[in-house]
Amino acid sequence: MTGALLAQAYLALGGNVGNSRAILDRAVDLLCDGIEIRLKARSSEYRTPPWGFKYQSPFINLCIAVETELTPRELLARAQGVELQLGRDRAHEKRWGPRTADIDIIAYGDLTVDELGLTLPHPRLFERAFVLLPLAEIAPDRVIGGRTVREALDHVDTAGIERLLPFPSP
């Protein structure tokens, strides 16, 4: 799509099956090709308690900011394609259960969308410390749904969330 307007989007990535840090690094690389999707910022990685279904391994979570010419629906399709490449099987998994990679669009510009399979901003953003904490690291003053990410973070419980140190450079 040449000549299309660039939109800034925020995505949350998480996983708890396999080497999650390596898998999420790969997810960012597969998603952000530098052409249709350009990485603008990436948060630290966080080890977080499971959410929804508590009897599973902790998750690794991070957020990224991207610029893209893709529509929200195209960006979602791309994210789900990356999940599939990394071994996610949505058809056979437990809701909020273990997964290799989960990629959610948190916000796409200032767009509000409520369609089958796509709601923006993400409908559970303000309940999820595991998204708000890494998002606040890269976009604390970003207004989503009428409040800043920093303000939203002040209203969730961040207990048990641990910021991980980056791997040393080779």
N, C-alpha and C. Protein backbone atom coordinates (compact mmCIF):
# COMPACT_ATOMS: atom_id res chain seq x y z
N MET A 1 0.85 -1.18 0.00
CA MET A 1 0.00 0.00 0.00
C MET A 1 0.88 1.23 0.00
N THR A 2 1.23 1.73 -1.11
CA THR A 2 2.07 2.91 -1.15
C THR A 2 1.20 4.15 -1.14
N GLY A 3 1.71 5.19 -0.51
CA GLY A 3 0.99 6.44 -0.45
C GLY A 3 -0.07 6.48 0.63
N ALA A 4 -0.28 5.41 1.35
CA ALA A 4 -1.25 5.39 2.43
C ALA A 4 -0.69 6.17 3.62
N LEU A 5 -1.60 6.61 4.46
CA LEU A 5 -1.18 7.33 5.65
C LEU A 5 -0.56 6.37 6.66
N LEU A 6 0.43 6.87 7.37
CA LEU A 6 1.05 6.07 8.42
C LEU A 6 0.24 6.22 9.70
N ALA A 7 0.00 5.12 10.35
CA ALA A 7 -0.68 5.14 11.64
C ALA A 7 0.28 4.62 12.70
N GLN A 8 0.18 5.17 13.89
CA GLN A 8 0.94 4.64 15.01
C GLN A 8 0.04 3.66 15.74
N ALA A 9 0.55 2.47 15.97
CA ALA A 9 -0.20 1.45 16.68
C ALA A 9 0.64 0.91 17.82
N TYR A 10 -0.06 0.43 18.85
CA TYR A 10 0.60 -0.20 19.99
C TYR A 10 0.11 -1.64 20.07
N LEU A 11 1.06 -2.55 20.26
CA LEU A 11 0.73 -3.96 20.35
C LEU A 11 1.33 -4.54 21.62
N ALA A 12 0.60 -5.50 22.19
CA ALA A 12 1.08 -6.23 23.37
C ALA A 12 1.39 -7.65 22.94
N LEU A 13 2.52 -8.16 23.38
CA LEU A 13 2.94 -9.52 23.06
C LEU A 13 3.17 -10.28 24.36
N GLY A 14 2.80 -11.55 24.35
CA GLY A 14 3.02 -12.37 25.53
C GLY A 14 3.07 -13.84 25.17
N GLY A 15 3.64 -14.62 26.06
CA GLY A 15 3.68 -16.06 25.87
C GLY A 15 4.23 -16.74 27.10
N ASN A 16 3.91 -18.04 27.23
CA ASN A 16 4.42 -18.80 28.37
C ASN A 16 4.70 -20.26 28.03
N VAL A 17 4.87 -20.57 26.76
CA VAL A 17 5.20 -21.93 26.34
C VAL A 17 6.53 -21.88 25.58
N GLY A 18 7.47 -22.71 25.98
CA GLY A 18 8.78 -22.71 25.33
C GLY A 18 9.66 -21.59 25.87
N ASN A 19 10.68 -21.22 25.11
CA ASN A 19 11.57 -20.13 25.49
C ASN A 19 10.89 -18.82 25.09
N SER A 20 10.04 -18.32 25.98
CA SER A 20 9.18 -17.18 25.64
C SER A 20 9.95 -15.94 25.23
N ARG A 21 11.07 -15.68 25.85
CA ARG A 21 11.83 -14.48 25.48
C ARG A 21 12.32 -14.58 24.04
N ALA A 22 12.85 -15.73 23.67
CA ALA A 22 13.33 -15.93 22.30
C ALA A 22 12.16 -15.91 21.31
N ILE A 23 11.06 -16.53 21.70
CA ILE A 23 9.88 -16.57 20.82
C ILE A 23 9.34 -15.16 20.59
N LEU A 24 9.27 -14.35 21.64
CA LEU A 24 8.76 -12.99 21.48
C LEU A 24 9.72 -12.12 20.68
N ASP A 25 11.03 -12.33 20.84
CA ASP A 25 12.00 -11.63 19.98
C ASP A 25 11.73 -11.96 18.52
N ARG A 26 11.51 -13.24 18.26
CA ARG A 26 11.22 -13.68 16.89
C ARG A 26 9.91 -13.08 16.40
N ALA A 27 8.91 -13.00 17.27
CA ALA A 27 7.63 -12.41 16.91
C ALA A 27 7.79 -10.96 16.47
N VAL A 28 8.58 -10.19 17.23
CA VAL A 28 8.82 -8.79 16.87
C VAL A 28 9.52 -8.71 15.52
N ASP A 29 10.52 -9.57 15.30
CA ASP A 29 11.25 -9.59 14.02
C ASP A 29 10.33 -9.95 12.85
N LEU A 30 9.47 -10.95 13.05
CA LEU A 30 8.56 -11.36 11.97
C LEU A 30 7.51 -10.29 11.69
N LEU A 31 7.03 -9.66 12.73
CA LEU A 31 5.97 -8.66 12.58
C LEU A 31 6.50 -7.37 11.95
N CYS A 32 7.63 -6.91 12.44
CA CYS A 32 8.17 -5.61 12.03
C CYS A 32 9.18 -5.80 10.90
N ASP A 33 8.68 -5.77 9.68
CA ASP A 33 9.52 -6.01 8.50
C ASP A 33 10.27 -4.77 8.05
N GLY A 34 9.99 -3.61 8.64
CA GLY A 34 10.66 -2.37 8.25
C GLY A 34 10.05 -1.73 7.02
N ILE A 35 9.07 -2.38 6.43
CA ILE A 35 8.42 -1.84 5.23
C ILE A 35 6.96 -1.52 5.56
N GLU A 36 6.16 -2.56 5.75
CA GLU A 36 4.74 -2.34 6.07
C GLU A 36 4.53 -2.04 7.55
N ILE A 37 5.43 -2.55 8.37
CA ILE A 37 5.36 -2.30 9.81
C ILE A 37 6.76 -1.96 10.30
N ARG A 38 6.91 -0.74 10.85
CA ARG A 38 8.20 -0.28 11.33
C ARG A 38 8.18 -0.14 12.86
N LEU A 39 9.13 -0.79 13.50
CA LEU A 39 9.24 -0.72 14.95
C LEU A 39 9.73 0.66 15.36
N LYS A 40 8.99 1.31 16.26
CA LYS A 40 9.37 2.63 16.75
C LYS A 40 9.88 2.58 18.19
N ALA A 41 9.33 1.67 19.00
CA ALA A 41 9.76 1.53 20.40
C ALA A 41 9.40 0.14 20.88
N ARG A 42 10.22 -0.34 21.82
CA ARG A 42 9.97 -1.66 22.42
C ARG A 42 10.23 -1.56 23.91
N SER A 43 9.31 -2.07 24.70
CA SER A 43 9.48 -2.04 26.15
C SER A 43 10.44 -3.13 26.60
N SER A 44 10.76 -3.08 27.87
CA SER A 44 11.45 -4.20 28.51
C SER A 44 10.50 -5.40 28.50
N GLU A 45 11.05 -6.54 28.84
CA GLU A 45 10.23 -7.74 29.01
C GLU A 45 9.90 -7.87 30.49
N TYR A 46 8.71 -8.38 30.77
CA TYR A 46 8.24 -8.53 32.13
C TYR A 46 7.77 -9.96 32.36
N ARG A 47 8.14 -10.52 33.51
CA ARG A 47 7.59 -11.82 33.92
C ARG A 47 6.34 -11.49 34.73
N THR A 48 5.21 -12.08 34.32
CA THR A 48 3.94 -11.73 34.93
C THR A 48 3.17 -12.97 35.35
N PRO A 49 2.42 -12.86 36.44
CA PRO A 49 1.59 -13.99 36.85
C PRO A 49 0.54 -14.27 35.77
N PRO A 50 0.10 -15.52 35.66
CA PRO A 50 -0.94 -15.82 34.67
C PRO A 50 -2.22 -15.04 34.98
N TRP A 51 -2.96 -14.75 33.94
CA TRP A 51 -4.20 -13.97 34.04
C TRP A 51 -5.32 -14.80 33.44
N GLY A 52 -6.45 -14.81 34.07
CA GLY A 52 -7.59 -15.56 33.53
C GLY A 52 -7.59 -16.99 34.02
N PHE A 53 -6.66 -17.80 33.56
CA PHE A 53 -6.52 -19.19 33.98
C PHE A 53 -5.24 -19.26 34.79
N LYS A 54 -5.35 -19.34 36.13
CA LYS A 54 -4.17 -19.14 36.97
C LYS A 54 -3.26 -20.34 37.12
N TYR A 55 -3.71 -21.54 36.77
CA TYR A 55 -2.88 -22.73 36.96
C TYR A 55 -2.05 -23.02 35.72
N GLN A 56 -1.09 -22.15 35.48
CA GLN A 56 -0.17 -22.27 34.35
C GLN A 56 1.09 -21.49 34.67
N SER A 57 2.08 -21.63 33.82
CA SER A 57 3.36 -20.95 34.01
C SER A 57 3.20 -19.44 33.89
N PRO A 58 4.11 -18.68 34.53
CA PRO A 58 4.10 -17.23 34.34
C PRO A 58 4.30 -16.89 32.86
N PHE A 59 3.87 -15.71 32.49
CA PHE A 59 4.02 -15.21 31.12
C PHE A 59 5.20 -14.26 31.04
N ILE A 60 5.71 -14.10 29.85
CA ILE A 60 6.63 -13.02 29.51
C ILE A 60 5.81 -12.07 28.65
N ASN A 61 5.82 -10.77 29.00
CA ASN A 61 5.03 -9.78 28.27
C ASN A 61 5.90 -8.59 27.90
N LEU A 62 5.55 -7.96 26.79
CA LEU A 62 6.19 -6.72 26.37
C LEU A 62 5.22 -5.97 25.47
N CYS A 63 5.50 -4.71 25.22
CA CYS A 63 4.71 -3.90 24.28
C CYS A 63 5.64 -3.26 23.27
N ILE A 64 5.08 -3.03 22.09
CA ILE A 64 5.83 -2.32 21.05
C ILE A 64 4.96 -1.21 20.47
N ALA A 65 5.62 -0.18 19.98
CA ALA A 65 4.98 0.88 19.20
C ALA A 65 5.46 0.72 17.77
N VAL A 66 4.54 0.77 16.83
CA VAL A 66 4.90 0.62 15.42
C VAL A 66 4.25 1.71 14.60
N GLU A 67 4.82 1.96 13.43
CA GLU A 67 4.19 2.76 12.39
C GLU A 67 3.83 1.82 11.27
N THR A 68 2.63 1.98 10.73
CA THR A 68 2.20 1.07 9.67
C THR A 68 1.27 1.75 8.69
N GLU A 69 1.32 1.26 7.46
CA GLU A 69 0.35 1.66 6.43
C GLU A 69 -0.79 0.66 6.36
N LEU A 70 -0.66 -0.46 7.08
CA LEU A 70 -1.70 -1.47 7.07
C LEU A 70 -2.94 -0.96 7.79
N THR A 71 -4.10 -1.42 7.37
CA THR A 71 -5.34 -1.11 8.08
C THR A 71 -5.34 -1.91 9.39
N PRO A 72 -6.19 -1.57 10.33
CA PRO A 72 -6.26 -2.38 11.56
C PRO A 72 -6.55 -3.85 11.26
N ARG A 73 -7.43 -4.14 10.33
CA ARG A 73 -7.78 -5.53 10.00
C ARG A 73 -6.57 -6.24 9.39
N GLU A 74 -5.80 -5.54 8.53
CA GLU A 74 -4.60 -6.14 7.93
C GLU A 74 -3.52 -6.37 9.00
N LEU A 75 -3.40 -5.43 9.93
CA LEU A 75 -2.43 -5.57 11.01
C LEU A 75 -2.80 -6.77 11.90
N LEU A 76 -4.08 -6.93 12.19
CA LEU A 76 -4.54 -8.07 12.96
C LEU A 76 -4.23 -9.38 12.24
N ALA A 77 -4.50 -9.43 10.94
CA ALA A 77 -4.22 -10.64 10.16
C ALA A 77 -2.72 -10.95 10.19
N ARG A 78 -1.90 -9.93 10.07
CA ARG A 78 -0.45 -10.12 10.12
C ARG A 78 -0.02 -10.66 11.48
N ALA A 79 -0.57 -10.09 12.56
CA ALA A 79 -0.24 -10.54 13.91
C ALA A 79 -0.66 -11.99 14.11
N GLN A 80 -1.85 -12.35 13.66
CA GLN A 80 -2.31 -13.73 13.81
C GLN A 80 -1.50 -14.69 12.95
N GLY A 81 -1.03 -14.24 11.81
CA GLY A 81 -0.14 -15.05 10.98
C GLY A 81 1.18 -15.33 11.67
N VAL A 82 1.71 -14.32 12.37
CA VAL A 82 2.95 -14.51 13.13
C VAL A 82 2.71 -15.49 14.28
N GLU A 83 1.59 -15.34 14.98
CA GLU A 83 1.27 -16.29 16.05
C GLU A 83 1.27 -17.72 15.52
N LEU A 84 0.64 -17.91 14.38
CA LEU A 84 0.55 -19.25 13.77
C LEU A 84 1.95 -19.77 13.42
N GLN A 85 2.79 -18.92 12.83
CA GLN A 85 4.16 -19.31 12.50
C GLN A 85 4.93 -19.76 13.74
N LEU A 86 4.59 -19.18 14.87
CA LEU A 86 5.30 -19.47 16.12
C LEU A 86 4.63 -20.58 16.93
N GLY A 87 3.68 -21.26 16.31
CA GLY A 87 3.11 -22.45 16.93
C GLY A 87 1.81 -22.28 17.69
N ARG A 88 1.20 -21.11 17.61
CA ARG A 88 -0.08 -20.93 18.31
C ARG A 88 -1.20 -21.61 17.53
N ASP A 89 -2.04 -22.32 18.25
CA ASP A 89 -3.18 -23.01 17.65
C ASP A 89 -4.45 -22.53 18.34
N ARG A 90 -4.99 -21.40 17.86
CA ARG A 90 -6.16 -20.80 18.49
C ARG A 90 -7.35 -21.76 18.56
N ALA A 91 -7.49 -22.62 17.57
CA ALA A 91 -8.65 -23.51 17.50
C ALA A 91 -8.66 -24.55 18.62
N HIS A 92 -7.50 -24.89 19.17
CA HIS A 92 -7.43 -25.96 20.15
C HIS A 92 -6.90 -25.52 21.52
N GLU A 93 -6.80 -24.23 21.75
CA GLU A 93 -6.27 -23.77 23.03
C GLU A 93 -7.38 -23.37 23.99
N LYS A 94 -7.03 -23.38 25.27
CA LYS A 94 -7.94 -22.92 26.31
C LYS A 94 -7.90 -21.40 26.35
N ARG A 95 -9.07 -20.75 26.47
CA ARG A 95 -9.09 -19.29 26.55
C ARG A 95 -8.27 -18.84 27.74
N TRP A 96 -7.38 -17.89 27.52
CA TRP A 96 -6.45 -17.33 28.51
C TRP A 96 -5.51 -18.39 29.06
N GLY A 97 -5.34 -19.49 28.32
CA GLY A 97 -4.47 -20.57 28.74
C GLY A 97 -3.07 -20.41 28.16
N PRO A 98 -2.26 -21.45 28.30
CA PRO A 98 -0.89 -21.41 27.79
C PRO A 98 -0.84 -21.19 26.28
N ARG A 99 0.18 -20.45 25.84
CA ARG A 99 0.38 -20.23 24.41
C ARG A 99 1.82 -19.81 24.14
N THR A 100 2.27 -20.11 22.93
CA THR A 100 3.63 -19.72 22.55
C THR A 100 3.73 -18.22 22.35
N ALA A 101 2.75 -17.65 21.67
CA ALA A 101 2.77 -16.21 21.38
C ALA A 101 1.35 -15.69 21.24
N ASP A 102 1.10 -14.57 21.87
CA ASP A 102 -0.18 -13.88 21.77
C ASP A 102 0.16 -12.44 21.40
N ILE A 103 -0.44 -11.95 20.33
CA ILE A 103 -0.19 -10.58 19.89
C ILE A 103 -1.53 -9.87 19.79
N ASP A 104 -1.70 -8.82 20.60
CA ASP A 104 -2.94 -8.04 20.60
C ASP A 104 -2.65 -6.62 20.15
N ILE A 105 -3.54 -6.07 19.34
CA ILE A 105 -3.48 -4.65 19.02
C ILE A 105 -4.16 -3.93 20.18
N ILE A 106 -3.44 -3.04 20.82
CA ILE A 106 -3.96 -2.29 21.96
C ILE A 106 -4.64 -1.02 21.49
N ALA A 107 -4.00 -0.32 20.58
CA ALA A 107 -4.56 0.91 20.03
C ALA A 107 -3.99 1.12 18.64
N TYR A 108 -4.79 1.72 17.78
CA TYR A 108 -4.39 2.02 16.41
C TYR A 108 -4.76 3.48 16.17
N GLY A 109 -3.76 4.37 16.23
CA GLY A 109 -4.05 5.80 16.15
C GLY A 109 -5.06 6.15 17.22
N ASP A 110 -6.03 6.97 16.85
CA ASP A 110 -7.12 7.32 17.77
C ASP A 110 -8.41 6.62 17.36
N LEU A 111 -8.26 5.58 16.55
CA LEU A 111 -9.41 4.88 15.99
C LEU A 111 -10.18 4.10 17.05
N THR A 112 -11.50 4.15 16.93
CA THR A 112 -12.39 3.31 17.73
C THR A 112 -13.07 2.36 16.76
N VAL A 113 -12.95 1.06 17.02
CA VAL A 113 -13.53 0.04 16.15
C VAL A 113 -14.25 -0.97 17.04
N ASP A 114 -15.45 -1.37 16.63
CA ASP A 114 -16.17 -2.43 17.33
C ASP A 114 -16.81 -3.32 16.29
N GLU A 115 -16.00 -4.27 15.79
CA GLU A 115 -16.43 -5.20 14.75
C GLU A 115 -16.20 -6.62 15.24
N LEU A 116 -16.80 -7.55 14.58
CA LEU A 116 -16.59 -8.95 14.93
C LEU A 116 -15.10 -9.27 14.81
N GLY A 117 -14.49 -9.69 15.90
CA GLY A 117 -13.08 -10.08 15.89
C GLY A 117 -12.09 -8.94 16.03
N LEU A 118 -12.56 -7.68 16.11
CA LEU A 118 -11.64 -6.55 16.24
C LEU A 118 -12.31 -5.42 17.01
N THR A 119 -11.79 -5.15 18.21
CA THR A 119 -12.27 -4.04 19.02
C THR A 119 -11.07 -3.19 19.40
N LEU A 120 -11.17 -1.90 19.09
CA LEU A 120 -10.10 -0.95 19.41
C LEU A 120 -10.69 0.28 20.08
N PRO A 121 -10.02 0.81 21.10
CA PRO A 121 -8.88 0.21 21.77
C PRO A 121 -9.24 -1.15 22.36
N HIS A 122 -8.23 -1.92 22.73
CA HIS A 122 -8.46 -3.27 23.25
C HIS A 122 -9.42 -3.20 24.44
N PRO A 123 -10.46 -4.02 24.43
CA PRO A 123 -11.52 -3.89 25.44
C PRO A 123 -11.10 -4.19 26.88
N ARG A 124 -10.04 -4.94 27.10
CA ARG A 124 -9.61 -5.26 28.46
C ARG A 124 -8.30 -4.58 28.85
N LEU A 125 -7.89 -3.59 28.06
CA LEU A 125 -6.63 -2.89 28.34
C LEU A 125 -6.55 -2.38 29.77
N PHE A 126 -7.59 -1.74 30.25
CA PHE A 126 -7.52 -1.07 31.55
C PHE A 126 -7.63 -2.03 32.73
N GLU A 127 -7.80 -3.33 32.47
CA GLU A 127 -7.82 -4.35 33.52
C GLU A 127 -6.47 -5.05 33.63
N ARG A 128 -5.58 -4.84 32.70
CA ARG A 128 -4.40 -5.69 32.55
C ARG A 128 -3.09 -4.97 32.86
N ALA A 129 -2.62 -5.18 34.09
CA ALA A 129 -1.33 -4.59 34.48
C ALA A 129 -0.21 -5.12 33.60
N PHE A 130 -0.33 -6.37 33.13
CA PHE A 130 0.73 -6.96 32.30
C PHE A 130 0.84 -6.30 30.94
N VAL A 131 -0.17 -5.51 30.56
CA VAL A 131 -0.08 -4.70 29.34
C VAL A 131 0.27 -3.26 29.71
N LEU A 132 -0.40 -2.72 30.71
CA LEU A 132 -0.20 -1.31 31.05
C LEU A 132 1.22 -1.00 31.53
N LEU A 133 1.84 -1.91 32.27
CA LEU A 133 3.19 -1.65 32.78
C LEU A 133 4.21 -1.51 31.64
N PRO A 134 4.29 -2.48 30.71
CA PRO A 134 5.24 -2.27 29.60
C PRO A 134 4.82 -1.13 28.67
N LEU A 135 3.52 -0.92 28.50
CA LEU A 135 3.06 0.18 27.65
C LEU A 135 3.45 1.53 28.26
N ALA A 136 3.35 1.63 29.58
CA ALA A 136 3.72 2.88 30.25
C ALA A 136 5.21 3.17 30.11
N GLU A 137 6.00 2.15 29.92
CA GLU A 137 7.44 2.34 29.73
C GLU A 137 7.73 3.05 28.41
N ILE A 138 6.94 2.77 27.35
CA ILE A 138 7.21 3.36 26.03
C ILE A 138 6.26 4.48 25.66
N ALA A 139 5.10 4.58 26.34
CA ALA A 139 4.12 5.60 25.97
C ALA A 139 3.30 6.06 27.18
N PRO A 140 3.95 6.56 28.23
CA PRO A 140 3.21 6.89 29.46
C PRO A 140 2.15 7.97 29.27
N ASP A 141 2.40 8.91 28.36
CA ASP A 141 1.47 10.02 28.17
C ASP A 141 0.48 9.82 27.03
N ARG A 142 0.52 8.66 26.41
CA ARG A 142 -0.41 8.34 25.31
C ARG A 142 -1.82 8.24 25.88
N VAL A 143 -2.74 8.98 25.28
CA VAL A 143 -4.13 8.94 25.71
C VAL A 143 -4.86 7.85 24.92
N ILE A 144 -5.45 6.92 25.66
CA ILE A 144 -6.26 5.85 25.08
C ILE A 144 -7.55 5.79 25.88
N GLY A 145 -8.65 5.83 25.19
CA GLY A 145 -9.93 5.74 25.87
C GLY A 145 -10.16 6.85 26.88
N GLY A 146 -9.60 8.03 26.62
CA GLY A 146 -9.84 9.19 27.46
C GLY A 146 -8.90 9.37 28.64
N ARG A 147 -7.93 8.47 28.81
CA ARG A 147 -6.98 8.66 29.90
C ARG A 147 -5.58 8.24 29.45
N THR A 148 -4.59 8.77 30.16
CA THR A 148 -3.23 8.41 29.78
C THR A 148 -2.92 7.00 30.29
N VAL A 149 -1.95 6.39 29.65
CA VAL A 149 -1.51 5.06 30.06
C VAL A 149 -1.02 5.12 31.51
N ARG A 150 -0.31 6.18 31.86
CA ARG A 150 0.21 6.33 33.24
C ARG A 150 -0.95 6.37 34.24
N GLU A 151 -2.00 7.14 33.94
CA GLU A 151 -3.17 7.21 34.83
C GLU A 151 -3.84 5.84 34.97
N ALA A 152 -3.99 5.13 33.86
CA ALA A 152 -4.61 3.81 33.88
C ALA A 152 -3.79 2.85 34.72
N LEU A 153 -2.47 2.93 34.62
CA LEU A 153 -1.58 2.05 35.38
C LEU A 153 -1.76 2.25 36.88
N ASP A 154 -2.05 3.49 37.30
CA ASP A 154 -2.24 3.78 38.71
C ASP A 154 -3.45 3.06 39.31
N HIS A 155 -4.32 2.50 38.47
CA HIS A 155 -5.56 1.88 38.95
C HIS A 155 -5.57 0.36 38.82
N VAL A 156 -4.41 -0.25 38.58
CA VAL A 156 -4.33 -1.72 38.50
C VAL A 156 -3.29 -2.22 39.49
N ASP A 157 -3.42 -3.47 39.87
CA ASP A 157 -2.50 -4.12 40.80
C ASP A 157 -1.33 -4.70 40.01
N THR A 158 -0.13 -4.23 40.30
CA THR A 158 1.06 -4.71 39.59
C THR A 158 1.85 -5.73 40.41
N ALA A 159 1.27 -6.20 41.50
CA ALA A 159 1.96 -7.17 42.35
C ALA A 159 2.34 -8.41 41.56
N GLY A 160 3.55 -8.88 41.79
CA GLY A 160 4.02 -10.10 41.15
C GLY A 160 4.62 -9.90 39.77
N ILE A 161 4.59 -8.68 39.25
CA ILE A 161 5.17 -8.41 37.93
C ILE A 161 6.62 -7.99 38.12
N GLU A 162 7.51 -8.63 37.37
CA GLU A 162 8.95 -8.41 37.51
C GLU A 162 9.54 -7.99 36.16
N ARG A 163 10.18 -6.83 36.14
CA ARG A 163 10.89 -6.38 34.94
C ARG A 163 12.15 -7.20 34.80
N LEU A 164 12.36 -7.77 33.61
CA LEU A 164 13.53 -8.61 33.37
C LEU A 164 14.67 -7.79 32.79
N LEU A 165 15.86 -8.14 33.16
CA LEU A 165 17.04 -7.47 32.60
C LEU A 165 17.24 -7.93 31.16
N PRO A 166 17.73 -7.05 30.31
CA PRO A 166 18.03 -7.47 28.94
C PRO A 166 19.16 -8.49 28.93
N PHE A 167 19.15 -9.31 27.89
CA PHE A 167 20.26 -10.23 27.73
C PHE A 167 21.51 -9.43 27.40
N PRO A 168 22.68 -9.85 27.90
CA PRO A 168 23.91 -9.12 27.56
C PRO A 168 24.19 -9.22 26.05
N SER A 169 24.74 -8.16 25.52
CA SER A 169 25.10 -8.16 24.10
C SER A 169 26.28 -9.08 23.87
N PRO A 170 26.33 -9.76 22.73
CA PRO A 170 27.45 -10.68 22.45
C PRO A 170 28.74 -9.94 22.22
